[in-house]
Structure formats: C-alpha cells, structure tokens
C-alpha cells in the first residue's frame, strides 16, 4: 500500500480504497493476520484492509465499513469483543478529524470542534475500560497515518501545460504527490518536459527519489514522481474541478512543519484519565538530517 489510489504496472490496473481484491493486499502482513497465524484472535472494526482476504484469511472478527455508525458505538462493539469474544488484539478506525480536515482545512473551526470531540471519545473509552474491568489488562495505542496542510485554490498546477498526456500510461494524482507511469519509451521525454518547469514542483525519477523517504523500492511507485511544495497541488486538466480540497495530506516524511498542528494537553483534556500503562501516542518526525520517533505515554 503506497497510496489510497495507485497503479500497478504488472496488473495494469488501478487501485482505489474500496478495492478488496486480495492481490493488492498480500505483499505485507498486518498485525491482525499475524495474530491469527499465531493462534490468537483478532478483531477489526472499519480498519482499512480488514475487509480484504490476506494470505487466505481475515481477522477473526471484522465488520464492513459503515461511516454512519457512531464512534462510541464502534468502541462499544470492540469492547464487547474483548469481553465476550475473547479477542487478543483489536483495531478501530475513527474517520475524524481527517474528514473534517479535508473538507474545511486543518486550521478551521470545524476541525477544532472535531478535535474536541475526539478528546471526548478518548475519555469515553477510558471510562468504559474502567466500567468493564479492562483497564488493568488492555493496552491502548492511538496512531495517525499522516498530518495535513492547507490547500490553496490558486496554487493548483496543471501538468498538461508542460507535458503531452498521450505519452503517459497512468497518472495517479494524490494532491501534493503525483505518480506518473510513462508509455513505453517516453520516460525521458516526460521527465525532461516536467523537470524545473515550476518553482514549486519537484520531479524525480524513481531511482533518484531520496533513500531517506523510504518510498522508492516498489513497482507501484511511479517511474516519475512529482512532489509539490507545501500547500501546492499537482493535477491534470480533467481533474481541476475536483482537485480543490481545503485540507491536503502531508506528502513527505522529511518536513517537520506538520508537527506544529499536533498539541496534546493532558491537563486540559480527558487524556488525564489515562493510566501510564494504558495508552501511548506514536509520532515519527522526519527531517532532512535526522529521524526521531516520539513515544509519548500518559
């Protein structure tokens, strides 16, 4: 999995998030499958990938995604599995504040409200752990897969201004990051057409992508990768009407700017209810000359 939307040159097919075909998911082993292989019981509630069969198996218990189900109901269902279905590991996906961030922008009042709501959800989880007697036996990890930055409508770059799209077999647009798979024999043509054509657009051949990004050694990475500066977007003309979203996923693993949007204030939130052994926040911060993983416990 290198993106929510991607192209595989061997399958000659495109992937989208609702695709459950096992061939897209079988090149990595997620924790819920590892647990099953070790004769443990696992559960997944709306966690991406749990609906797909991997190595011929699923999590022991899983539910198909339904965004209408309340967040507290999702947590209640998972706790019920721990209490009555004897699972050993469980994963719950909460689609906020991501959804609000994309719709309104990461610095919006709407996202602020969602952050408060998620804090209340953490508090609810801690209360339910105490009520159910699970607080001394269950370890809780809260993780996030990306940061987010603002998108500015006037900062959308249409690459068709620079390259003939008939030379491209597949163009995968993911906001600030675009994957290009050239038609046979046209890699150099496309690279030359795009390289140094816009001050906010950085163009790499796959083999020249910096090793520190850990994002180059798979066939689903574009033969040419276009990376935009923060708050800029690359797209093609047919997508301009859909290209504008107020919040963009942070698009590389060397910027440190997104860290400024993360604030954890245990003295002012429900996190103060959490015992030290119960909950962990994992953040990995990448910079051009160092990588640091912060393991924050409360």
C-alpha atoms as a PDB file:
ATOM      1  CA  UNK A   1       0.000   0.000   0.000  1.00  0.00           C
ATOM      2  CA  UNK A   2       1.770   3.134  -1.193  1.00  0.00           C
ATOM      3  CA  UNK A   3      -1.307   5.321  -1.595  1.00  0.00           C
ATOM      4  CA  UNK A   4      -5.100   5.363  -1.457  1.00  0.00           C
ATOM      5  CA  UNK A   5      -5.075   5.474  -5.248  1.00  0.00           C
ATOM      6  CA  UNK A   6      -2.354   3.739  -7.250  1.00  0.00           C
ATOM      7  CA  UNK A   7      -1.451   1.891 -10.408  1.00  0.00           C
ATOM      8  CA  UNK A   8       0.232  -1.494 -10.670  1.00  0.00           C
ATOM      9  CA  UNK A   9       2.214  -1.942 -13.905  1.00  0.00           C
ATOM     10  CA  UNK A  10       2.167  -5.743 -13.585  1.00  0.00           C
ATOM     11  CA  UNK A  11      -1.602  -5.969 -13.145  1.00  0.00           C
ATOM     12  CA  UNK A  12      -2.087  -2.950 -15.430  1.00  0.00           C
ATOM     13  CA  UNK A  13      -4.907  -1.941 -13.117  1.00  0.00           C
ATOM     14  CA  UNK A  14      -5.671   0.919 -10.766  1.00  0.00           C
ATOM     15  CA  UNK A  15      -6.472   0.599  -7.070  1.00  0.00           C
ATOM     16  CA  UNK A  16      -8.968   2.606  -5.051  1.00  0.00           C
ATOM     17  CA  UNK A  17      -9.716   2.339  -1.296  1.00  0.00           C
ATOM     18  CA  UNK A  18     -12.845   0.188  -1.640  1.00  0.00           C
ATOM     19  CA  UNK A  19     -10.970  -2.479  -3.638  1.00  0.00           C
ATOM     20  CA  UNK A  20     -10.902  -5.737  -1.649  1.00  0.00           C
ATOM     21  CA  UNK A  21      -9.122  -7.919  -4.203  1.00  0.00           C
ATOM     22  CA  UNK A  22      -6.541  -9.933  -2.199  1.00  0.00           C
ATOM     23  CA  UNK A  23      -3.803  -9.398  -4.794  1.00  0.00           C
ATOM     24  CA  UNK A  24      -3.485  -5.753  -3.745  1.00  0.00           C
ATOM     25  CA  UNK A  25      -3.162  -6.544  -0.054  1.00  0.00           C
ATOM     26  CA  UNK A  26      -0.967  -9.629   0.020  1.00  0.00           C
ATOM     27  CA  UNK A  27       2.507  -8.055  -0.084  1.00  0.00           C
ATOM     28  CA  UNK A  28       2.534  -7.132   3.582  1.00  0.00           C
ATOM     29  CA  UNK A  29       1.308  -8.918   6.699  1.00  0.00           C
ATOM     30  CA  UNK A  30      -0.836  -6.774   9.013  1.00  0.00           C
ATOM     31  CA  UNK A  31      -0.962  -7.372  12.738  1.00  0.00           C
ATOM     32  CA  UNK A  32      -4.461  -8.885  12.676  1.00  0.00           C
ATOM     33  CA  UNK A  33      -3.268 -11.605  10.299  1.00  0.00           C
ATOM     34  CA  UNK A  34      -0.075 -12.192  12.304  1.00  0.00           C
ATOM     35  CA  UNK A  35      -2.262 -12.722  15.365  1.00  0.00           C
ATOM     36  CA  UNK A  36      -4.416 -15.322  13.599  1.00  0.00           C
ATOM     37  CA  UNK A  37      -1.316 -17.139  12.351  1.00  0.00           C
ATOM     38  CA  UNK A  38      -0.116 -17.345  15.943  1.00  0.00           C
ATOM     39  CA  UNK A  39      -3.427 -18.879  17.053  1.00  0.00           C
ATOM     40  CA  UNK A  40      -4.610 -15.600  18.547  1.00  0.00           C
ATOM     41  CA  UNK A  41      -7.972 -13.951  17.959  1.00  0.00           C
ATOM     42  CA  UNK A  42      -8.139 -10.546  16.321  1.00  0.00           C
ATOM     43  CA  UNK A  43     -10.879  -8.049  15.537  1.00  0.00           C
ATOM     44  CA  UNK A  44     -11.214  -5.168  13.110  1.00  0.00           C
ATOM     45  CA  UNK A  45     -13.922  -2.517  13.064  1.00  0.00           C
ATOM     46  CA  UNK A  46     -13.695  -0.472   9.852  1.00  0.00           C
ATOM     47  CA  UNK A  47      -9.892  -0.659   9.908  1.00  0.00           C
ATOM     48  CA  UNK A  48      -8.565  -0.314   6.346  1.00  0.00           C
ATOM     49  CA  UNK A  49      -7.630  -3.707   4.939  1.00  0.00           C
ATOM     50  CA  UNK A  50      -9.608  -5.846   7.355  1.00  0.00           C
ATOM     51  CA  UNK A  51     -12.297  -6.411   4.719  1.00  0.00           C
ATOM     52  CA  UNK A  52      -9.757  -7.964   2.339  1.00  0.00           C
ATOM     53  CA  UNK A  53      -8.661 -11.582   2.459  1.00  0.00           C
ATOM     54  CA  UNK A  54      -4.910 -11.712   3.118  1.00  0.00           C
ATOM     55  CA  UNK A  55      -2.963 -14.960   2.841  1.00  0.00           C
ATOM     56  CA  UNK A  56      -6.316 -16.711   2.633  1.00  0.00           C
ATOM     57  CA  UNK A  57      -7.641 -15.369   5.919  1.00  0.00           C
ATOM     58  CA  UNK A  58      -9.339 -12.462   7.646  1.00  0.00           C
ATOM     59  CA  UNK A  59      -9.266 -11.157  11.182  1.00  0.00           C
ATOM     60  CA  UNK A  60     -11.221 -13.485  13.455  1.00  0.00           C
ATOM     61  CA  UNK A  61     -13.982 -10.870  13.650  1.00  0.00           C
ATOM     62  CA  UNK A  62     -14.474  -7.924  11.334  1.00  0.00           C
ATOM     63  CA  UNK A  63     -17.158  -5.555  10.089  1.00  0.00           C
ATOM     64  CA  UNK A  64     -17.577  -3.930   6.656  1.00  0.00           C
ATOM     65  CA  UNK A  65     -17.096  -0.171   6.724  1.00  0.00           C
ATOM     66  CA  UNK A  66     -20.137   1.897   7.649  1.00  0.00           C
ATOM     67  CA  UNK A  67     -19.349   5.566   8.262  1.00  0.00           C
ATOM     68  CA  UNK A  68     -22.806   6.185   9.730  1.00  0.00           C
ATOM     69  CA  UNK A  69     -22.065   4.149  12.856  1.00  0.00           C
ATOM     70  CA  UNK A  70     -21.367   6.428  15.815  1.00  0.00           C
ATOM     71  CA  UNK A  71     -17.821   6.466  17.159  1.00  0.00           C
ATOM     72  CA  UNK A  72     -18.943   5.455  20.645  1.00  0.00           C
ATOM     73  CA  UNK A  73     -20.852   2.537  19.170  1.00  0.00           C
ATOM     74  CA  UNK A  74     -17.693   1.399  17.395  1.00  0.00           C
ATOM     75  CA  UNK A  75     -15.773   1.417  20.661  1.00  0.00           C
ATOM     76  CA  UNK A  76     -18.598  -0.355  22.471  1.00  0.00           C
ATOM     77  CA  UNK A  77     -18.596  -3.101  19.825  1.00  0.00           C
ATOM     78  CA  UNK A  78     -14.843  -3.590  20.175  1.00  0.00           C
ATOM     79  CA  UNK A  79     -15.006  -3.741  23.961  1.00  0.00           C
ATOM     80  CA  UNK A  80     -17.773  -6.314  23.644  1.00  0.00           C
ATOM     81  CA  UNK A  81     -15.434  -8.441  21.535  1.00  0.00           C
ATOM     82  CA  UNK A  82     -12.744  -8.239  24.193  1.00  0.00           C
ATOM     83  CA  UNK A  83     -15.248  -9.166  26.886  1.00  0.00           C
ATOM     84  CA  UNK A  84     -17.323 -11.814  25.137  1.00  0.00           C
ATOM     85  CA  UNK A  85     -15.406 -12.992  22.078  1.00  0.00           C
ATOM     86  CA  UNK A  86     -12.003 -13.353  23.746  1.00  0.00           C
ATOM     87  CA  UNK A  87     -10.046 -11.427  21.135  1.00  0.00           C
ATOM     88  CA  UNK A  88      -6.374 -10.646  21.804  1.00  0.00           C
ATOM     89  CA  UNK A  89      -5.916  -7.622  19.539  1.00  0.00           C
ATOM     90  CA  UNK A  90      -8.489  -5.199  18.177  1.00  0.00           C
ATOM     91  CA  UNK A  91      -8.365  -2.256  15.778  1.00  0.00           C
ATOM     92  CA  UNK A  92     -10.956   0.503  15.442  1.00  0.00           C
ATOM     93  CA  UNK A  93     -10.910   3.155  12.713  1.00  0.00           C
ATOM     94  CA  UNK A  94     -12.248   6.624  13.503  1.00  0.00           C
ATOM     95  CA  UNK A  95     -12.552   8.800  10.389  1.00  0.00           C
ATOM     96  CA  UNK A  96     -12.190  12.120  12.194  1.00  0.00           C
ATOM     97  CA  UNK A  97     -10.718  14.695  12.310  1.00  0.00           C
ATOM     98  CA  UNK A  98      -9.434  13.553   8.889  1.00  0.00           C
ATOM     99  CA  UNK A  99     -12.763  14.027   7.103  1.00  0.00           C
ATOM    100  CA  UNK A 100     -13.324  17.497   8.543  1.00  0.00           C
ATOM    101  CA  UNK A 101      -9.747  18.465   7.749  1.00  0.00           C
ATOM    102  CA  UNK A 102     -10.134  17.605   4.077  1.00  0.00           C
ATOM    103  CA  UNK A 103     -13.460  19.395   3.828  1.00  0.00           C
ATOM    104  CA  UNK A 104     -12.745  22.547   5.823  1.00  0.00           C
ATOM    105  CA  UNK A 105      -8.957  22.707   6.195  1.00  0.00           C
ATOM    106  CA  UNK A 106      -6.756  21.745   9.150  1.00  0.00           C
ATOM    107  CA  UNK A 107      -6.859  25.195  10.759  1.00  0.00           C
ATOM    108  CA  UNK A 108     -10.633  25.558  10.573  1.00  0.00           C
ATOM    109  CA  UNK A 109     -13.039  25.933  13.471  1.00  0.00           C
ATOM    110  CA  UNK A 110     -14.752  22.755  12.288  1.00  0.00           C
ATOM    111  CA  UNK A 111     -11.550  20.758  12.802  1.00  0.00           C
ATOM    112  CA  UNK A 112     -11.121  22.350  16.220  1.00  0.00           C
ATOM    113  CA  UNK A 113     -14.564  21.075  17.154  1.00  0.00           C
ATOM    114  CA  UNK A 114     -13.735  17.603  15.850  1.00  0.00           C
ATOM    115  CA  UNK A 115     -10.523  17.540  17.887  1.00  0.00           C
ATOM    116  CA  UNK A 116     -12.565  18.315  20.994  1.00  0.00           C
ATOM    117  CA  UNK A 117     -15.000  15.569  20.042  1.00  0.00           C
ATOM    118  CA  UNK A 118     -12.142  13.074  19.595  1.00  0.00           C
ATOM    119  CA  UNK A 119     -10.791  14.059  23.007  1.00  0.00           C
ATOM    120  CA  UNK A 120     -14.198  13.259  24.450  1.00  0.00           C
ATOM    121  CA  UNK A 121     -14.107   9.923  22.626  1.00  0.00           C
ATOM    122  CA  UNK A 122     -10.776   9.106  24.296  1.00  0.00           C
ATOM    123  CA  UNK A 123     -12.322   9.991  27.640  1.00  0.00           C
ATOM    124  CA  UNK A 124     -15.322   7.798  26.865  1.00  0.00           C
ATOM    125  CA  UNK A 125     -13.027   4.897  26.034  1.00  0.00           C
ATOM    126  CA  UNK A 126     -11.165   5.283  29.311  1.00  0.00           C
ATOM    127  CA  UNK A 127     -14.423   5.410  31.264  1.00  0.00           C
ATOM    128  CA  UNK A 128     -15.679   2.284  29.522  1.00  0.00           C
ATOM    129  CA  UNK A 129     -12.427   0.449  30.230  1.00  0.00           C
ATOM    130  CA  UNK A 130     -12.908   1.197  33.914  1.00  0.00           C
ATOM    131  CA  UNK A 131     -16.579   0.189  33.833  1.00  0.00           C
ATOM    132  CA  UNK A 132     -15.850  -3.124  32.125  1.00  0.00           C
ATOM    133  CA  UNK A 133     -12.832  -4.033  34.245  1.00  0.00           C
ATOM    134  CA  UNK A 134     -10.492  -3.985  31.255  1.00  0.00           C
ATOM    135  CA  UNK A 135      -8.386  -1.018  32.379  1.00  0.00           C
ATOM    136  CA  UNK A 136      -5.689  -3.172  34.003  1.00  0.00           C
ATOM    137  CA  UNK A 137      -5.400  -5.715  31.187  1.00  0.00           C
ATOM    138  CA  UNK A 138      -5.762  -3.782  27.945  1.00  0.00           C
ATOM    139  CA  UNK A 139      -3.039  -1.677  26.312  1.00  0.00           C
ATOM    140  CA  UNK A 140      -4.330   1.155  24.117  1.00  0.00           C
ATOM    141  CA  UNK A 141      -2.413   2.700  21.215  1.00  0.00           C
ATOM    142  CA  UNK A 142      -3.675   5.769  19.364  1.00  0.00           C
ATOM    143  CA  UNK A 143      -1.993   6.280  15.991  1.00  0.00           C
ATOM    144  CA  UNK A 144      -2.327   8.588  12.987  1.00  0.00           C
ATOM    145  CA  UNK A 145      -1.137   7.918   9.455  1.00  0.00           C
ATOM    146  CA  UNK A 146      -0.475  11.470   8.261  1.00  0.00           C
ATOM    147  CA  UNK A 147      -0.566  15.152   9.012  1.00  0.00           C
ATOM    148  CA  UNK A 148      -2.430  17.746   6.980  1.00  0.00           C
ATOM    149  CA  UNK A 149      -1.798  21.151   5.452  1.00  0.00           C
ATOM    150  CA  UNK A 150      -3.975  23.793   3.839  1.00  0.00           C
ATOM    151  CA  UNK A 151      -4.717  23.704   0.138  1.00  0.00           C
ATOM    152  CA  UNK A 152      -4.960  26.992  -1.720  1.00  0.00           C
ATOM    153  CA  UNK A 153      -7.138  27.054  -4.816  1.00  0.00           C
ATOM    154  CA  UNK A 154      -4.818  29.433  -6.654  1.00  0.00           C
ATOM    155  CA  UNK A 155      -1.890  27.071  -6.088  1.00  0.00           C
ATOM    156  CA  UNK A 156      -3.032  24.153  -8.253  1.00  0.00           C
ATOM    157  CA  UNK A 157      -0.608  23.278 -11.059  1.00  0.00           C
ATOM    158  CA  UNK A 158      -1.983  21.663 -14.207  1.00  0.00           C
ATOM    159  CA  UNK A 159       0.815  19.477 -15.570  1.00  0.00           C
ATOM    160  CA  UNK A 160      -0.812  19.294 -19.004  1.00  0.00           C
ATOM    161  CA  UNK A 161       0.666  22.747 -19.527  1.00  0.00           C
ATOM    162  CA  UNK A 162       4.082  21.074 -19.635  1.00  0.00           C
ATOM    163  CA  UNK A 163       3.636  17.524 -20.951  1.00  0.00           C
ATOM    164  CA  UNK A 164       1.669  15.697 -23.629  1.00  0.00           C
ATOM    165  CA  UNK A 165      -0.649  13.376 -21.674  1.00  0.00           C
ATOM    166  CA  UNK A 166      -0.789  10.902 -24.575  1.00  0.00           C
ATOM    167  CA  UNK A 167       2.760   9.912 -23.546  1.00  0.00           C
ATOM    168  CA  UNK A 168       1.520   8.809 -20.118  1.00  0.00           C
ATOM    169  CA  UNK A 169       0.089   5.353 -19.472  1.00  0.00           C
ATOM    170  CA  UNK A 170      -1.158   6.146 -15.958  1.00  0.00           C
ATOM    171  CA  UNK A 171      -1.294   9.377 -13.964  1.00  0.00           C
ATOM    172  CA  UNK A 172      -2.137   8.967 -10.282  1.00  0.00           C
ATOM    173  CA  UNK A 173      -2.984  12.268  -8.632  1.00  0.00           C
ATOM    174  CA  UNK A 174      -2.923  12.407  -4.842  1.00  0.00           C
ATOM    175  CA  UNK A 175      -2.929  16.129  -4.207  1.00  0.00           C
ATOM    176  CA  UNK A 176       0.618  17.165  -3.451  1.00  0.00           C
ATOM    177  CA  UNK A 177       2.073  13.924  -4.810  1.00  0.00           C
ATOM    178  CA  UNK A 178       1.620  12.616  -8.342  1.00  0.00           C
ATOM    179  CA  UNK A 179       2.788   9.267  -9.751  1.00  0.00           C
ATOM    180  CA  UNK A 180       3.483   9.068 -13.463  1.00  0.00           C
ATOM    181  CA  UNK A 181       3.871   5.832 -15.425  1.00  0.00           C
ATOM    182  CA  UNK A 182       5.105   6.735 -18.924  1.00  0.00           C
ATOM    183  CA  UNK A 183       4.142   4.858 -22.026  1.00  0.00           C
ATOM    184  CA  UNK A 184       6.935   2.651 -23.329  1.00  0.00           C
ATOM    185  CA  UNK A 185       9.950   4.631 -24.465  1.00  0.00           C
ATOM    186  CA  UNK A 186       8.764   8.014 -23.153  1.00  0.00           C
ATOM    187  CA  UNK A 187      10.253   8.246 -19.665  1.00  0.00           C
ATOM    188  CA  UNK A 188      12.966  10.712 -20.687  1.00  0.00           C
ATOM    189  CA  UNK A 189      10.525  12.772 -22.752  1.00  0.00           C
ATOM    190  CA  UNK A 190       8.180  13.248 -19.798  1.00  0.00           C
ATOM    191  CA  UNK A 191      10.945  13.798 -17.266  1.00  0.00           C
ATOM    192  CA  UNK A 192      12.569  16.467 -19.428  1.00  0.00           C
ATOM    193  CA  UNK A 193       9.218  18.158 -20.045  1.00  0.00           C
ATOM    194  CA  UNK A 194       8.462  18.436 -16.303  1.00  0.00           C
ATOM    195  CA  UNK A 195      11.875  18.936 -14.703  1.00  0.00           C
ATOM    196  CA  UNK A 196      12.474  22.506 -13.482  1.00  0.00           C
ATOM    197  CA  UNK A 197       9.298  23.794 -15.122  1.00  0.00           C
ATOM    198  CA  UNK A 198       7.702  25.199 -11.967  1.00  0.00           C
ATOM    199  CA  UNK A 199       9.382  26.585  -8.871  1.00  0.00           C
ATOM    200  CA  UNK A 200       7.003  24.756  -6.537  1.00  0.00           C
ATOM    201  CA  UNK A 201       7.127  21.415  -8.369  1.00  0.00           C
ATOM    202  CA  UNK A 202       9.917  18.875  -7.814  1.00  0.00           C
ATOM    203  CA  UNK A 203      10.320  15.996 -10.255  1.00  0.00           C
ATOM    204  CA  UNK A 204      12.182  12.726  -9.606  1.00  0.00           C
ATOM    205  CA  UNK A 205      12.830   9.549 -11.492  1.00  0.00           C
ATOM    206  CA  UNK A 206      12.003   6.638  -9.233  1.00  0.00           C
ATOM    207  CA  UNK A 207      15.644   5.657  -8.836  1.00  0.00           C
ATOM    208  CA  UNK A 208      16.549   9.220  -7.801  1.00  0.00           C
ATOM    209  CA  UNK A 209      13.988   9.510  -5.003  1.00  0.00           C
ATOM    210  CA  UNK A 210      15.949  10.135  -1.763  1.00  0.00           C
ATOM    211  CA  UNK A 211      16.555   6.940   0.202  1.00  0.00           C
ATOM    212  CA  UNK A 212      15.562   8.730   3.402  1.00  0.00           C
ATOM    213  CA  UNK A 213      11.963   8.866   2.191  1.00  0.00           C
ATOM    214  CA  UNK A 214      11.695   5.043   2.201  1.00  0.00           C
ATOM    215  CA  UNK A 215       9.451   5.431  -0.829  1.00  0.00           C
ATOM    216  CA  UNK A 216      11.125   4.111  -3.948  1.00  0.00           C
ATOM    217  CA  UNK A 217      11.540   0.346  -3.917  1.00  0.00           C
ATOM    218  CA  UNK A 218       8.203  -0.848  -5.186  1.00  0.00           C
ATOM    219  CA  UNK A 219       6.729  -1.138  -8.656  1.00  0.00           C
ATOM    220  CA  UNK A 220       3.650   0.870  -7.619  1.00  0.00           C
ATOM    221  CA  UNK A 221       5.777   3.972  -7.082  1.00  0.00           C
ATOM    222  CA  UNK A 222       5.584   5.993 -10.282  1.00  0.00           C
ATOM    223  CA  UNK A 223       8.523   5.828 -12.679  1.00  0.00           C
ATOM    224  CA  UNK A 224       8.355   9.607 -12.304  1.00  0.00           C
ATOM    225  CA  UNK A 225       7.295  11.198  -9.017  1.00  0.00           C
ATOM    226  CA  UNK A 226       6.067  14.788  -8.802  1.00  0.00           C
ATOM    227  CA  UNK A 227       6.237  16.354  -5.359  1.00  0.00           C
ATOM    228  CA  UNK A 228       4.730  19.766  -4.696  1.00  0.00           C
ATOM    229  CA  UNK A 229       5.745  22.276  -2.073  1.00  0.00           C
ATOM    230  CA  UNK A 230       3.513  22.606   0.964  1.00  0.00           C
ATOM    231  CA  UNK A 231       0.049  23.984   0.129  1.00  0.00           C
ATOM    232  CA  UNK A 232       0.543  23.305  -3.610  1.00  0.00           C
ATOM    233  CA  UNK A 233      -1.237  20.683  -5.731  1.00  0.00           C
ATOM    234  CA  UNK A 234      -0.451  18.874  -8.984  1.00  0.00           C
ATOM    235  CA  UNK A 235      -3.238  17.636 -11.215  1.00  0.00           C
ATOM    236  CA  UNK A 236      -4.299  17.289 -14.837  1.00  0.00           C
ATOM    237  CA  UNK A 237      -6.837  19.435 -16.609  1.00  0.00           C
ATOM    238  CA  UNK A 238      -9.673  16.901 -16.477  1.00  0.00           C
ATOM    239  CA  UNK A 239      -9.422  16.850 -12.686  1.00  0.00           C
ATOM    240  CA  UNK A 240      -9.280  20.583 -11.973  1.00  0.00           C
ATOM    241  CA  UNK A 241     -12.943  20.689 -10.982  1.00  0.00           C
ATOM    242  CA  UNK A 242     -12.264  18.011  -8.352  1.00  0.00           C
ATOM    243  CA  UNK A 243      -8.750  18.990  -7.353  1.00  0.00           C
ATOM    244  CA  UNK A 244      -9.624  21.539  -4.696  1.00  0.00           C
ATOM    245  CA  UNK A 245      -9.965  20.301  -1.150  1.00  0.00           C
ATOM    246  CA  UNK A 246      -9.239  22.584   1.782  1.00  0.00           C
ATOM    247  CA  UNK A 247      -7.025  20.025   3.516  1.00  0.00           C
ATOM    248  CA  UNK A 248      -4.190  18.030   1.928  1.00  0.00           C
ATOM    249  CA  UNK A 249      -2.431  15.006   3.408  1.00  0.00           C
ATOM    250  CA  UNK A 250       1.144  15.837   4.356  1.00  0.00           C
ATOM    251  CA  UNK A 251       3.058  14.492   1.422  1.00  0.00           C
ATOM    252  CA  UNK A 252       6.562  13.625   2.523  1.00  0.00           C
ATOM    253  CA  UNK A 253       8.342  12.287   5.567  1.00  0.00           C
ATOM    254  CA  UNK A 254      11.044  14.893   5.912  1.00  0.00           C
ATOM    255  CA  UNK A 255       9.046  18.021   6.650  1.00  0.00           C
ATOM    256  CA  UNK A 256       8.682  18.993  10.281  1.00  0.00           C
ATOM    257  CA  UNK A 257       6.080  21.703   9.726  1.00  0.00           C
ATOM    258  CA  UNK A 258       3.106  19.446  10.398  1.00  0.00           C
ATOM    259  CA  UNK A 259       4.249  18.827  13.968  1.00  0.00           C
ATOM    260  CA  UNK A 260       3.088  22.321  14.884  1.00  0.00           C
ATOM    261  CA  UNK A 261      -0.501  21.169  14.356  1.00  0.00           C
ATOM    262  CA  UNK A 262      -0.209  18.446  16.994  1.00  0.00           C
ATOM    263  CA  UNK A 263      -0.955  19.561  20.520  1.00  0.00           C
ATOM    264  CA  UNK A 264      -1.511  17.215  23.435  1.00  0.00           C
ATOM    265  CA  UNK A 265      -2.539  18.919  26.645  1.00  0.00           C
ATOM    266  CA  UNK A 266      -3.277  16.244  29.268  1.00  0.00           C
ATOM    267  CA  UNK A 267      -4.034  18.797  31.956  1.00  0.00           C
ATOM    268  CA  UNK A 268      -6.906  20.187  29.905  1.00  0.00           C
ATOM    269  CA  UNK A 269      -8.413  17.061  28.404  1.00  0.00           C
ATOM    270  CA  UNK A 270      -9.761  13.605  29.019  1.00  0.00           C
ATOM    271  CA  UNK A 271      -6.276  12.201  28.439  1.00  0.00           C
ATOM    272  CA  UNK A 272      -5.591  12.944  32.111  1.00  0.00           C
ATOM    273  CA  UNK A 273      -7.833   9.992  32.953  1.00  0.00           C
ATOM    274  CA  UNK A 274      -5.431   7.577  31.332  1.00  0.00           C
ATOM    275  CA  UNK A 275      -3.086   5.425  33.371  1.00  0.00           C
ATOM    276  CA  UNK A 276       0.535   5.396  32.183  1.00  0.00           C
ATOM    277  CA  UNK A 277       0.494   1.761  31.148  1.00  0.00           C
ATOM    278  CA  UNK A 278      -2.739   2.092  29.231  1.00  0.00           C
ATOM    279  CA  UNK A 279      -2.214   4.491  26.395  1.00  0.00           C
ATOM    280  CA  UNK A 280       0.535   5.506  24.004  1.00  0.00           C
ATOM    281  CA  UNK A 281       0.752   8.096  21.255  1.00  0.00           C
ATOM    282  CA  UNK A 282       3.232   7.319  18.484  1.00  0.00           C
ATOM    283  CA  UNK A 283       4.597  10.114  16.307  1.00  0.00           C
ATOM    284  CA  UNK A 284       7.508   9.788  13.915  1.00  0.00           C
ATOM    285  CA  UNK A 285       9.137  13.084  12.975  1.00  0.00           C
ATOM    286  CA  UNK A 286      11.393  13.128   9.925  1.00  0.00           C
ATOM    287  CA  UNK A 287      13.809  15.865   8.995  1.00  0.00           C
ATOM    288  CA  UNK A 288      16.472  16.018   6.311  1.00  0.00           C
ATOM    289  CA  UNK A 289      19.273  15.117   8.709  1.00  0.00           C
ATOM    290  CA  UNK A 290      17.581  13.083  11.414  1.00  0.00           C
ATOM    291  CA  UNK A 291      14.634  10.868  12.228  1.00  0.00           C
ATOM    292  CA  UNK A 292      13.100  10.686  15.667  1.00  0.00           C
ATOM    293  CA  UNK A 293      10.224   8.618  16.975  1.00  0.00           C
ATOM    294  CA  UNK A 294       8.372  10.126  19.896  1.00  0.00           C
ATOM    295  CA  UNK A 295       6.656   7.603  22.129  1.00  0.00           C
ATOM    296  CA  UNK A 296       4.509   9.689  24.430  1.00  0.00           C
ATOM    297  CA  UNK A 297       2.854   7.996  27.375  1.00  0.00           C
ATOM    298  CA  UNK A 298       0.133   9.384  29.620  1.00  0.00           C
END
